[in-house]
Amino acid sequence: MGTSTATYFVNRMDTNSLAGIIIAGTVRTARVSDDVKLPVLAIHHSNGQCAGTPPSASESVISSRPQNTISRLEVIEGGISEGNVCESFAYHDFDQTEPEFIKRAAQFMLTH
């Protein structure tokens, strides 16, 4: 895996030093424990085709959050996809949509 799995770490560490969690193109087995009360933002590309990180994985993380927690799913469109669908020049890694990704992540951080 090229990046860390934030859901793995947030479920296993003291979250008192964190203000929230942002997951991007998450793996199908990911979940955030109900004990984690942090705001959660999931960002996924609408055309992501990597079998290990389907859009439904991010949808599942957000839909399974307790009602009293802040959680949101952002879906990115556009960009380009070249080569392996699970690597950095594909929709999987938000190729050519980085400014929109950063904008949405920043908006979430600033409001939560």
PDB file of N, CA and C in Angstrom:
ATOM      1  N   MET A   1       0.831  -1.179   0.000  1.00  0.00           N
ATOM      2  CA  MET A   1       0.000   0.000   0.000  1.00  0.00           C
ATOM      3  C   MET A   1       0.876   1.242   0.000  1.00  0.00           C
ATOM      4  N   GLY A   2       0.509   2.223  -0.797  1.00  0.00           N
ATOM      5  CA  GLY A   2       1.319   3.423  -0.922  1.00  0.00           C
ATOM      6  C   GLY A   2       1.083   4.464   0.153  1.00  0.00           C
ATOM      7  N   THR A   3      -0.052   4.433   0.801  1.00  0.00           N
ATOM      8  CA  THR A   3      -0.343   5.405   1.852  1.00  0.00           C
ATOM      9  C   THR A   3      -0.791   4.666   3.100  1.00  0.00           C
ATOM     10  N   SER A   4      -0.802   5.369   4.206  1.00  0.00           N
ATOM     11  CA  SER A   4      -1.234   4.726   5.444  1.00  0.00           C
ATOM     12  C   SER A   4      -2.750   4.588   5.458  1.00  0.00           C
ATOM     13  N   THR A   5      -3.219   3.674   6.239  1.00  0.00           N
ATOM     14  CA  THR A   5      -4.647   3.466   6.384  1.00  0.00           C
ATOM     15  C   THR A   5      -5.091   4.176   7.658  1.00  0.00           C
ATOM     16  N   ALA A   6      -5.666   5.348   7.497  1.00  0.00           N
ATOM     17  CA  ALA A   6      -6.038   6.182   8.638  1.00  0.00           C
ATOM     18  C   ALA A   6      -7.037   5.492   9.550  1.00  0.00           C
ATOM     19  N   THR A   7      -7.954   4.729   8.978  1.00  0.00           N
ATOM     20  CA  THR A   7      -8.935   4.055   9.824  1.00  0.00           C
ATOM     21  C   THR A   7      -8.271   3.050  10.755  1.00  0.00           C
ATOM     22  N   TYR A   8      -7.228   2.415  10.308  1.00  0.00           N
ATOM     23  CA  TYR A   8      -6.491   1.467  11.159  1.00  0.00           C
ATOM     24  C   TYR A   8      -5.928   2.190  12.383  1.00  0.00           C
ATOM     25  N   PHE A   9      -5.288   3.318  12.152  1.00  0.00           N
ATOM     26  CA  PHE A   9      -4.643   4.044  13.245  1.00  0.00           C
ATOM     27  C   PHE A   9      -5.639   4.706  14.188  1.00  0.00           C
ATOM     28  N   VAL A  10      -6.695   5.290  13.663  1.00  0.00           N
ATOM     29  CA  VAL A  10      -7.643   5.997  14.528  1.00  0.00           C
ATOM     30  C   VAL A  10      -8.368   5.028  15.465  1.00  0.00           C
ATOM     31  N   ASN A  11      -8.517   3.788  15.059  1.00  0.00           N
ATOM     32  CA  ASN A  11      -9.162   2.791  15.912  1.00  0.00           C
ATOM     33  C   ASN A  11      -8.237   2.252  16.995  1.00  0.00           C
ATOM     34  N   ARG A  12      -6.930   2.522  16.885  1.00  0.00           N
ATOM     35  CA  ARG A  12      -5.965   1.921  17.799  1.00  0.00           C
ATOM     36  C   ARG A  12      -5.166   2.924  18.628  1.00  0.00           C
ATOM     37  N   MET A  13      -5.406   4.192  18.457  1.00  0.00           N
ATOM     38  CA  MET A  13      -4.592   5.163  19.178  1.00  0.00           C
ATOM     39  C   MET A  13      -5.447   6.089  20.025  1.00  0.00           C
ATOM     40  N   ASP A  14      -4.794   6.803  20.915  1.00  0.00           N
ATOM     41  CA  ASP A  14      -5.458   7.811  21.724  1.00  0.00           C
ATOM     42  C   ASP A  14      -5.806   8.973  20.803  1.00  0.00           C
ATOM     43  N   THR A  15      -7.073   9.252  20.648  1.00  0.00           N
ATOM     44  CA  THR A  15      -7.504  10.285  19.702  1.00  0.00           C
ATOM     45  C   THR A  15      -7.621  11.665  20.334  1.00  0.00           C
ATOM     46  N   ASN A  16      -7.226  11.815  21.581  1.00  0.00           N
ATOM     47  CA  ASN A  16      -7.326  13.120  22.240  1.00  0.00           C
ATOM     48  C   ASN A  16      -6.507  14.194  21.542  1.00  0.00           C
ATOM     49  N   SER A  17      -5.460  13.809  20.854  1.00  0.00           N
ATOM     50  CA  SER A  17      -4.618  14.797  20.168  1.00  0.00           C
ATOM     51  C   SER A  17      -5.078  15.065  18.735  1.00  0.00           C
ATOM     52  N   LEU A  18      -6.169  14.447  18.315  1.00  0.00           N
ATOM     53  CA  LEU A  18      -6.684  14.633  16.960  1.00  0.00           C
ATOM     54  C   LEU A  18      -7.943  15.486  16.979  1.00  0.00           C
ATOM     55  N   ALA A  19      -8.144  16.250  15.915  1.00  0.00           N
ATOM     56  CA  ALA A  19      -9.351  17.060  15.787  1.00  0.00           C
ATOM     57  C   ALA A  19     -10.359  16.420  14.843  1.00  0.00           C
ATOM     58  N   GLY A  20      -9.926  15.449  14.057  1.00  0.00           N
ATOM     59  CA  GLY A  20     -10.791  14.784  13.098  1.00  0.00           C
ATOM     60  C   GLY A  20      -9.982  13.833  12.242  1.00  0.00           C
ATOM     61  N   ILE A  21     -10.674  13.183  11.321  1.00  0.00           N
ATOM     62  CA  ILE A  21     -10.020  12.231  10.433  1.00  0.00           C
ATOM     63  C   ILE A  21     -10.555  12.403   9.016  1.00  0.00           C
ATOM     64  N   ILE A  22      -9.644  12.352   8.065  1.00  0.00           N
ATOM     65  CA  ILE A  22     -10.010  12.394   6.652  1.00  0.00           C
ATOM     66  C   ILE A  22      -9.495  11.113   6.018  1.00  0.00           C
ATOM     67  N   ILE A  23     -10.402  10.377   5.407  1.00  0.00           N
ATOM     68  CA  ILE A  23     -10.010   9.171   4.689  1.00  0.00           C
ATOM     69  C   ILE A  23     -10.265   9.400   3.205  1.00  0.00           C
ATOM     70  N   ALA A  24      -9.416   8.840   2.384  1.00  0.00           N
ATOM     71  CA  ALA A  24      -9.516   9.067   0.941  1.00  0.00           C
ATOM     72  C   ALA A  24      -9.358   7.756   0.194  1.00  0.00           C
ATOM     73  N   GLY A  25     -10.348   7.421  -0.615  1.00  0.00           N
ATOM     74  CA  GLY A  25     -10.267   6.203  -1.396  1.00  0.00           C
ATOM     75  C   GLY A  25      -9.991   5.000  -0.526  1.00  0.00           C
ATOM     76  N   THR A  26     -10.751   4.857   0.526  1.00  0.00           N
ATOM     77  CA  THR A  26     -10.449   3.866   1.557  1.00  0.00           C
ATOM     78  C   THR A  26     -10.667   2.423   1.108  1.00  0.00           C
ATOM     79  N   VAL A  27     -10.030   1.525   1.827  1.00  0.00           N
ATOM     80  CA  VAL A  27     -10.118   0.098   1.506  1.00  0.00           C
ATOM     81  C   VAL A  27     -11.466  -0.475   1.928  1.00  0.00           C
ATOM     82  N   ARG A  28     -11.853  -1.538   1.256  1.00  0.00           N
ATOM     83  CA  ARG A  28     -13.183  -2.121   1.479  1.00  0.00           C
ATOM     84  C   ARG A  28     -13.409  -2.624   2.901  1.00  0.00           C
ATOM     85  N   THR A  29     -12.369  -2.959   3.622  1.00  0.00           N
ATOM     86  CA  THR A  29     -12.520  -3.479   4.987  1.00  0.00           C
ATOM     87  C   THR A  29     -12.483  -2.388   6.055  1.00  0.00           C
ATOM     88  N   ALA A  30     -12.350  -1.152   5.659  1.00  0.00           N
ATOM     89  CA  ALA A  30     -12.200  -0.050   6.617  1.00  0.00           C
ATOM     90  C   ALA A  30     -13.484   0.206   7.396  1.00  0.00           C
ATOM     91  N   ARG A  31     -13.280   0.587   8.635  1.00  0.00           N
ATOM     92  CA  ARG A  31     -14.382   1.088   9.449  1.00  0.00           C
ATOM     93  C   ARG A  31     -13.782   1.936  10.552  1.00  0.00           C
ATOM     94  N   VAL A  32     -14.585   2.823  11.089  1.00  0.00           N
ATOM     95  CA  VAL A  32     -14.173   3.641  12.224  1.00  0.00           C
ATOM     96  C   VAL A  32     -15.031   3.200  13.403  1.00  0.00           C
ATOM     97  N   SER A  33     -14.388   2.834  14.488  1.00  0.00           N
ATOM     98  CA  SER A  33     -15.080   2.352  15.672  1.00  0.00           C
ATOM     99  C   SER A  33     -16.097   3.376  16.170  1.00  0.00           C
ATOM    100  N   ASP A  34     -17.199   2.896  16.691  1.00  0.00           N
ATOM    101  CA  ASP A  34     -18.199   3.785  17.285  1.00  0.00           C
ATOM    102  C   ASP A  34     -17.638   4.541  18.479  1.00  0.00           C
ATOM    103  N   ASP A  35     -16.565   4.045  19.069  1.00  0.00           N
ATOM    104  CA  ASP A  35     -15.925   4.727  20.194  1.00  0.00           C
ATOM    105  C   ASP A  35     -15.199   5.994  19.761  1.00  0.00           C
ATOM    106  N   VAL A  36     -14.894   6.111  18.488  1.00  0.00           N
ATOM    107  CA  VAL A  36     -14.209   7.292  17.954  1.00  0.00           C
ATOM    108  C   VAL A  36     -15.268   8.355  17.687  1.00  0.00           C
ATOM    109  N   LYS A  37     -15.195   9.449  18.415  1.00  0.00           N
ATOM    110  CA  LYS A  37     -16.207  10.511  18.309  1.00  0.00           C
ATOM    111  C   LYS A  37     -15.747  11.685  17.453  1.00  0.00           C
ATOM    112  N   LEU A  38     -14.637  11.542  16.774  1.00  0.00           N
ATOM    113  CA  LEU A  38     -14.085  12.612  15.938  1.00  0.00           C
ATOM    114  C   LEU A  38     -14.921  12.831  14.682  1.00  0.00           C
ATOM    115  N   PRO A  39     -14.899  14.050  14.133  1.00  0.00           N
ATOM    116  CA  PRO A  39     -15.496  14.264  12.818  1.00  0.00           C
ATOM    117  C   PRO A  39     -14.757  13.417  11.777  1.00  0.00           C
ATOM    118  N   VAL A  40     -15.511  12.834  10.850  1.00  0.00           N
ATOM    119  CA  VAL A  40     -14.927  11.980   9.813  1.00  0.00           C
ATOM    120  C   VAL A  40     -15.376  12.469   8.442  1.00  0.00           C
ATOM    121  N   LEU A  41     -14.405  12.723   7.583  1.00  0.00           N
ATOM    122  CA  LEU A  41     -14.672  13.060   6.183  1.00  0.00           C
ATOM    123  C   LEU A  41     -14.109  11.940   5.329  1.00  0.00           C
ATOM    124  N   ALA A  42     -14.932  11.401   4.444  1.00  0.00           N
ATOM    125  CA  ALA A  42     -14.468  10.420   3.460  1.00  0.00           C
ATOM    126  C   ALA A  42     -14.538  11.083   2.090  1.00  0.00           C
ATOM    127  N   ILE A  43     -13.447  11.009   1.351  1.00  0.00           N
ATOM    128  CA  ILE A  43     -13.404  11.551  -0.008  1.00  0.00           C
ATOM    129  C   ILE A  43     -13.108  10.393  -0.953  1.00  0.00           C
ATOM    130  N   HIS A  44     -13.907  10.282  -1.993  1.00  0.00           N
ATOM    131  CA  HIS A  44     -13.721   9.201  -2.959  1.00  0.00           C
ATOM    132  C   HIS A  44     -13.953   9.754  -4.359  1.00  0.00           C
ATOM    133  N   HIS A  45     -13.304   9.171  -5.345  1.00  0.00           N
ATOM    134  CA  HIS A  45     -13.528   9.573  -6.735  1.00  0.00           C
ATOM    135  C   HIS A  45     -14.691   8.769  -7.294  1.00  0.00           C
ATOM    136  N   SER A  46     -15.589   9.445  -7.980  1.00  0.00           N
ATOM    137  CA  SER A  46     -16.783   8.785  -8.505  1.00  0.00           C
ATOM    138  C   SER A  46     -16.460   7.671  -9.496  1.00  0.00           C
ATOM    139  N   ASN A  47     -15.336   7.778 -10.182  1.00  0.00           N
ATOM    140  CA  ASN A  47     -14.979   6.782 -11.193  1.00  0.00           C
ATOM    141  C   ASN A  47     -13.885   5.829 -10.735  1.00  0.00           C
ATOM    142  N   GLY A  48     -13.578   5.811  -9.454  1.00  0.00           N
ATOM    143  CA  GLY A  48     -12.546   4.911  -8.952  1.00  0.00           C
ATOM    144  C   GLY A  48     -12.890   3.462  -9.269  1.00  0.00           C
ATOM    145  N   GLN A  49     -11.944   2.746  -9.861  1.00  0.00           N
ATOM    146  CA  GLN A  49     -12.195   1.362 -10.272  1.00  0.00           C
ATOM    147  C   GLN A  49     -11.273   0.355  -9.595  1.00  0.00           C
ATOM    148  N   CYS A  50     -10.499   0.777  -8.633  1.00  0.00           N
ATOM    149  CA  CYS A  50      -9.605  -0.140  -7.933  1.00  0.00           C
ATOM    150  C   CYS A  50     -10.465  -1.099  -7.093  1.00  0.00           C
ATOM    151  N   ALA A  51     -10.307  -2.393  -7.324  1.00  0.00           N
ATOM    152  CA  ALA A  51     -11.146  -3.392  -6.651  1.00  0.00           C
ATOM    153  C   ALA A  51     -11.005  -3.358  -5.132  1.00  0.00           C
ATOM    154  N   GLY A  52      -9.844  -3.002  -4.638  1.00  0.00           N
ATOM    155  CA  GLY A  52      -9.628  -2.978  -3.196  1.00  0.00           C
ATOM    156  C   GLY A  52     -10.174  -1.748  -2.503  1.00  0.00           C
ATOM    157  N   THR A  53     -10.511  -0.715  -3.293  1.00  0.00           N
ATOM    158  CA  THR A  53     -10.995   0.543  -2.715  1.00  0.00           C
ATOM    159  C   THR A  53     -12.226   1.054  -3.471  1.00  0.00           C
ATOM    160  N   PRO A  54     -13.307   0.301  -3.461  1.00  0.00           N
ATOM    161  CA  PRO A  54     -14.498   0.741  -4.189  1.00  0.00           C
ATOM    162  C   PRO A  54     -15.169   1.929  -3.489  1.00  0.00           C
ATOM    163  N   PRO A  55     -15.890   2.759  -4.244  1.00  0.00           N
ATOM    164  CA  PRO A  55     -16.613   3.875  -3.619  1.00  0.00           C
ATOM    165  C   PRO A  55     -17.518   3.421  -2.470  1.00  0.00           C
ATOM    166  N   SER A  56     -18.046   2.225  -2.562  1.00  0.00           N
ATOM    167  CA  SER A  56     -18.923   1.719  -1.498  1.00  0.00           C
ATOM    168  C   SER A  56     -18.207   1.611  -0.156  1.00  0.00           C
ATOM    169  N   ALA A  57     -16.885   1.487  -0.165  1.00  0.00           N
ATOM    170  CA  ALA A  57     -16.136   1.419   1.098  1.00  0.00           C
ATOM    171  C   ALA A  57     -16.244   2.733   1.858  1.00  0.00           C
ATOM    172  N   SER A  58     -16.061   3.841   1.165  1.00  0.00           N
ATOM    173  CA  SER A  58     -16.194   5.150   1.815  1.00  0.00           C
ATOM    174  C   SER A  58     -17.635   5.394   2.239  1.00  0.00           C
ATOM    175  N   GLU A  59     -18.581   5.015   1.381  1.00  0.00           N
ATOM    176  CA  GLU A  59     -19.997   5.167   1.717  1.00  0.00           C
ATOM    177  C   GLU A  59     -20.332   4.395   2.991  1.00  0.00           C
ATOM    178  N   SER A  60     -19.794   3.192   3.112  1.00  0.00           N
ATOM    179  CA  SER A  60     -20.057   2.354   4.277  1.00  0.00           C
ATOM    180  C   SER A  60     -19.485   2.957   5.557  1.00  0.00           C
ATOM    181  N   VAL A  61     -18.277   3.495   5.477  1.00  0.00           N
ATOM    182  CA  VAL A  61     -17.678   4.126   6.662  1.00  0.00           C
ATOM    183  C   VAL A  61     -18.576   5.252   7.160  1.00  0.00           C
ATOM    184  N   ILE A  62     -19.040   6.093   6.254  1.00  0.00           N
ATOM    185  CA  ILE A  62     -19.861   7.242   6.656  1.00  0.00           C
ATOM    186  C   ILE A  62     -21.247   6.808   7.126  1.00  0.00           C
ATOM    187  N   SER A  63     -21.886   5.910   6.394  1.00  0.00           N
ATOM    188  CA  SER A  63     -23.248   5.499   6.769  1.00  0.00           C
ATOM    189  C   SER A  63     -23.288   4.720   8.083  1.00  0.00           C
ATOM    190  N   SER A  64     -22.175   4.131   8.480  1.00  0.00           N
ATOM    191  CA  SER A  64     -22.147   3.361   9.726  1.00  0.00           C
ATOM    192  C   SER A  64     -21.786   4.198  10.952  1.00  0.00           C
ATOM    193  N   ARG A  65     -21.498   5.476  10.774  1.00  0.00           N
ATOM    194  CA  ARG A  65     -21.154   6.338  11.910  1.00  0.00           C
ATOM    195  C   ARG A  65     -22.390   6.578  12.771  1.00  0.00           C
ATOM    196  N   PRO A  66     -22.224   6.647  14.090  1.00  0.00           N
ATOM    197  CA  PRO A  66     -23.357   6.943  14.967  1.00  0.00           C
ATOM    198  C   PRO A  66     -24.001   8.287  14.597  1.00  0.00           C
ATOM    199  N   GLN A  67     -25.288   8.395  14.817  1.00  0.00           N
ATOM    200  CA  GLN A  67     -26.039   9.595  14.447  1.00  0.00           C
ATOM    201  C   GLN A  67     -25.514  10.868  15.107  1.00  0.00           C
ATOM    202  N   ASN A  68     -24.941  10.769  16.276  1.00  0.00           N
ATOM    203  CA  ASN A  68     -24.493  11.961  17.001  1.00  0.00           C
ATOM    204  C   ASN A  68     -23.063  12.376  16.661  1.00  0.00           C
ATOM    205  N   THR A  69     -22.493  11.823  15.594  1.00  0.00           N
ATOM    206  CA  THR A  69     -21.140  12.208  15.184  1.00  0.00           C
ATOM    207  C   THR A  69     -21.182  12.944  13.853  1.00  0.00           C
ATOM    208  N   ILE A  70     -20.219  13.809  13.657  1.00  0.00           N
ATOM    209  CA  ILE A  70     -20.109  14.555  12.403  1.00  0.00           C
ATOM    210  C   ILE A  70     -19.418  13.664  11.383  1.00  0.00           C
ATOM    211  N   SER A  71     -20.076  13.451  10.265  1.00  0.00           N
ATOM    212  CA  SER A  71     -19.477  12.644   9.205  1.00  0.00           C
ATOM    213  C   SER A  71     -20.052  13.079   7.865  1.00  0.00           C
ATOM    214  N   ARG A  72     -19.193  13.014   6.854  1.00  0.00           N
ATOM    215  CA  ARG A  72     -19.632  13.445   5.522  1.00  0.00           C
ATOM    216  C   ARG A  72     -18.841  12.693   4.456  1.00  0.00           C
ATOM    217  N   LEU A  73     -19.528  12.415   3.350  1.00  0.00           N
ATOM    218  CA  LEU A  73     -18.899  11.822   2.176  1.00  0.00           C
ATOM    219  C   LEU A  73     -18.835  12.877   1.085  1.00  0.00           C
ATOM    220  N   GLU A  74     -17.658  13.072   0.528  1.00  0.00           N
ATOM    221  CA  GLU A  74     -17.466  13.961  -0.616  1.00  0.00           C
ATOM    222  C   GLU A  74     -17.044  13.104  -1.802  1.00  0.00           C
ATOM    223  N   VAL A  75     -17.705  13.302  -2.932  1.00  0.00           N
ATOM    224  CA  VAL A  75     -17.385  12.556  -4.148  1.00  0.00           C
ATOM    225  C   VAL A  75     -16.772  13.516  -5.155  1.00  0.00           C
ATOM    226  N   ILE A  76     -15.579  13.175  -5.602  1.00  0.00           N
ATOM    227  CA  ILE A  76     -14.836  13.989  -6.565  1.00  0.00           C
ATOM    228  C   ILE A  76     -15.087  13.448  -7.968  1.00  0.00           C
ATOM    229  N   GLU A  77     -15.244  14.338  -8.927  1.00  0.00           N
ATOM    230  CA  GLU A  77     -15.390  13.955 -10.332  1.00  0.00           C
ATOM    231  C   GLU A  77     -14.304  14.640 -11.140  1.00  0.00           C
ATOM    232  N   GLY A  78     -14.094  14.158 -12.345  1.00  0.00           N
ATOM    233  CA  GLY A  78     -13.125  14.784 -13.239  1.00  0.00           C
ATOM    234  C   GLY A  78     -11.746  14.192 -13.098  1.00  0.00           C
ATOM    235  N   GLY A  79     -10.771  14.904 -13.638  1.00  0.00           N
ATOM    236  CA  GLY A  79      -9.400  14.425 -13.618  1.00  0.00           C
ATOM    237  C   GLY A  79      -9.136  13.454 -14.750  1.00  0.00           C
ATOM    238  N   ILE A  80      -8.048  12.719 -14.624  1.00  0.00           N
ATOM    239  CA  ILE A  80      -7.698  11.727 -15.639  1.00  0.00           C
ATOM    240  C   ILE A  80      -7.280  10.435 -14.954  1.00  0.00           C
ATOM    241  N   SER A  81      -7.331   9.360 -15.722  1.00  0.00           N
ATOM    242  CA  SER A  81      -6.910   8.061 -15.216  1.00  0.00           C
ATOM    243  C   SER A  81      -6.084   7.374 -16.286  1.00  0.00           C
ATOM    244  N   GLU A  82      -4.852   7.077 -15.937  1.00  0.00           N
ATOM    245  CA  GLU A  82      -3.945   6.406 -16.870  1.00  0.00           C
ATOM    246  C   GLU A  82      -3.263   5.249 -16.160  1.00  0.00           C
ATOM    247  N   GLY A  83      -3.097   4.153 -16.855  1.00  0.00           N
ATOM    248  CA  GLY A  83      -2.368   3.024 -16.288  1.00  0.00           C
ATOM    249  C   GLY A  83      -3.195   2.223 -15.309  1.00  0.00           C
ATOM    250  N   ASN A  84      -2.508   1.606 -14.373  1.00  0.00           N
ATOM    251  CA  ASN A  84      -3.126   0.742 -13.376  1.00  0.00           C
ATOM    252  C   ASN A  84      -4.162   1.519 -12.572  1.00  0.00           C
ATOM    253  N   VAL A  85      -5.381   0.993 -12.489  1.00  0.00           N
ATOM    254  CA  VAL A  85      -6.483   1.700 -11.817  1.00  0.00           C
ATOM    255  C   VAL A  85      -6.288   1.848 -10.310  1.00  0.00           C
ATOM    256  N   CYS A  86      -5.282   1.168  -9.760  1.00  0.00           N
ATOM    257  CA  CYS A  86      -5.013   1.250  -8.320  1.00  0.00           C
ATOM    258  C   CYS A  86      -3.766   2.065  -7.997  1.00  0.00           C
ATOM    259  N   GLU A  87      -3.231   2.767  -8.963  1.00  0.00           N
ATOM    260  CA  GLU A  87      -1.992   3.503  -8.721  1.00  0.00           C
ATOM    261  C   GLU A  87      -2.185   5.011  -8.873  1.00  0.00           C
ATOM    262  N   SER A  88      -1.093   5.723  -8.757  1.00  0.00           N
ATOM    263  CA  SER A  88      -1.135   7.172  -8.579  1.00  0.00           C
ATOM    264  C   SER A  88      -1.607   7.987  -9.774  1.00  0.00           C
ATOM    265  N   PHE A  89      -1.575   7.452 -10.970  1.00  0.00           N
ATOM    266  CA  PHE A  89      -2.034   8.230 -12.115  1.00  0.00           C
ATOM    267  C   PHE A  89      -3.446   7.848 -12.530  1.00  0.00           C
ATOM    268  N   ALA A  90      -4.191   7.304 -11.604  1.00  0.00           N
ATOM    269  CA  ALA A  90      -5.563   6.880 -11.856  1.00  0.00           C
ATOM    270  C   ALA A  90      -6.525   7.709 -11.002  1.00  0.00           C
ATOM    271  N   TYR A  91      -7.810   7.524 -11.251  1.00  0.00           N
ATOM    272  CA  TYR A  91      -8.813   8.188 -10.416  1.00  0.00           C
ATOM    273  C   TYR A  91      -8.616   7.812  -8.946  1.00  0.00           C
ATOM    274  N   HIS A  92      -8.140   6.610  -8.712  1.00  0.00           N
ATOM    275  CA  HIS A  92      -7.893   6.105  -7.357  1.00  0.00           C
ATOM    276  C   HIS A  92      -7.086   7.097  -6.517  1.00  0.00           C
ATOM    277  N   ASP A  93      -6.142   7.767  -7.137  1.00  0.00           N
ATOM    278  CA  ASP A  93      -5.280   8.702  -6.410  1.00  0.00           C
ATOM    279  C   ASP A  93      -5.614  10.158  -6.748  1.00  0.00           C
ATOM    280  N   PHE A  94      -6.825  10.374  -7.287  1.00  0.00           N
ATOM    281  CA  PHE A  94      -7.344  11.719  -7.537  1.00  0.00           C
ATOM    282  C   PHE A  94      -6.475  12.518  -8.514  1.00  0.00           C
ATOM    283  N   ASP A  95      -5.910  11.841  -9.519  1.00  0.00           N
ATOM    284  CA  ASP A  95      -5.016  12.493 -10.474  1.00  0.00           C
ATOM    285  C   ASP A  95      -5.717  13.652 -11.185  1.00  0.00           C
ATOM    286  N   GLN A  96      -5.097  14.802 -11.143  1.00  0.00           N
ATOM    287  CA  GLN A  96      -5.572  16.040 -11.770  1.00  0.00           C
ATOM    288  C   GLN A  96      -6.823  16.620 -11.096  1.00  0.00           C
ATOM    289  N   THR A  97      -7.145  16.139  -9.907  1.00  0.00           N
ATOM    290  CA  THR A  97      -8.248  16.724  -9.134  1.00  0.00           C
ATOM    291  C   THR A  97      -7.754  17.200  -7.765  1.00  0.00           C
ATOM    292  N   GLU A  98      -6.461  17.280  -7.618  1.00  0.00           N
ATOM    293  CA  GLU A  98      -5.875  17.631  -6.324  1.00  0.00           C
ATOM    294  C   GLU A  98      -6.386  18.956  -5.760  1.00  0.00           C
ATOM    295  N   PRO A  99      -6.514  20.022  -6.575  1.00  0.00           N
ATOM    296  CA  PRO A  99      -7.023  21.282  -6.007  1.00  0.00           C
ATOM    297  C   PRO A  99      -8.430  21.141  -5.414  1.00  0.00           C
ATOM    298  N   GLU A 100      -9.299  20.405  -6.086  1.00  0.00           N
ATOM    299  CA  GLU A 100     -10.653  20.201  -5.575  1.00  0.00           C
ATOM    300  C   GLU A 100     -10.625  19.351  -4.300  1.00  0.00           C
ATOM    301  N   PHE A 101      -9.790  18.342  -4.285  1.00  0.00           N
ATOM    302  CA  PHE A 101      -9.629  17.492  -3.106  1.00  0.00           C
ATOM    303  C   PHE A 101      -9.200  18.338  -1.906  1.00  0.00           C
ATOM    304  N   ILE A 102      -8.179  19.150  -2.102  1.00  0.00           N
ATOM    305  CA  ILE A 102      -7.657  19.989  -1.018  1.00  0.00           C
ATOM    306  C   ILE A 102      -8.703  20.994  -0.557  1.00  0.00           C
ATOM    307  N   LYS A 103      -9.431  21.576  -1.482  1.00  0.00           N
ATOM    308  CA  LYS A 103     -10.476  22.542  -1.142  1.00  0.00           C
ATOM    309  C   LYS A 103     -11.535  21.903  -0.243  1.00  0.00           C
ATOM    310  N   ARG A 104     -11.998  20.731  -0.617  1.00  0.00           N
ATOM    311  CA  ARG A 104     -13.041  20.070   0.174  1.00  0.00           C
ATOM    312  C   ARG A 104     -12.527  19.628   1.544  1.00  0.00           C
ATOM    313  N   ALA A 105     -11.316  19.119   1.581  1.00  0.00           N
ATOM    314  CA  ALA A 105     -10.732  18.718   2.864  1.00  0.00           C
ATOM    315  C   ALA A 105     -10.560  19.934   3.768  1.00  0.00           C
ATOM    316  N   ALA A 106     -10.067  21.029   3.214  1.00  0.00           N
ATOM    317  CA  ALA A 106      -9.857  22.249   3.999  1.00  0.00           C
ATOM    318  C   ALA A 106     -11.178  22.807   4.517  1.00  0.00           C
ATOM    319  N   GLN A 107     -12.209  22.805   3.676  1.00  0.00           N
ATOM    320  CA  GLN A 107     -13.518  23.291   4.117  1.00  0.00           C
ATOM    321  C   GLN A 107     -14.030  22.475   5.301  1.00  0.00           C
ATOM    322  N   PHE A 108     -13.858  21.174   5.235  1.00  0.00           N
ATOM    323  CA  PHE A 108     -14.296  20.310   6.331  1.00  0.00           C
ATOM    324  C   PHE A 108     -13.511  20.621   7.601  1.00  0.00           C
ATOM    325  N   MET A 109     -12.211  20.748   7.467  1.00  0.00           N
ATOM    326  CA  MET A 109     -11.372  21.035   8.636  1.00  0.00           C
ATOM    327  C   MET A 109     -11.724  22.378   9.261  1.00  0.00           C
ATOM    328  N   LEU A 110     -11.976  23.367   8.443  1.00  0.00           N
ATOM    329  CA  LEU A 110     -12.259  24.700   8.966  1.00  0.00           C
ATOM    330  C   LEU A 110     -13.636  24.810   9.614  1.00  0.00           C
ATOM    331  N   THR A 111     -14.558  23.954   9.224  1.00  0.00           N
ATOM    332  CA  THR A 111     -15.908  24.022   9.791  1.00  0.00           C
ATOM    333  C   THR A 111     -16.148  23.013  10.903  1.00  0.00           C
ATOM    334  N   HIS A 112     -15.193  22.108  11.110  1.00  0.00           N
ATOM    335  CA  HIS A 112     -15.379  21.098  12.166  1.00  0.00           C
ATOM    336  C   HIS A 112     -14.134  21.038  12.995  1.00  0.00           C
TER     337      HIS A 112
END
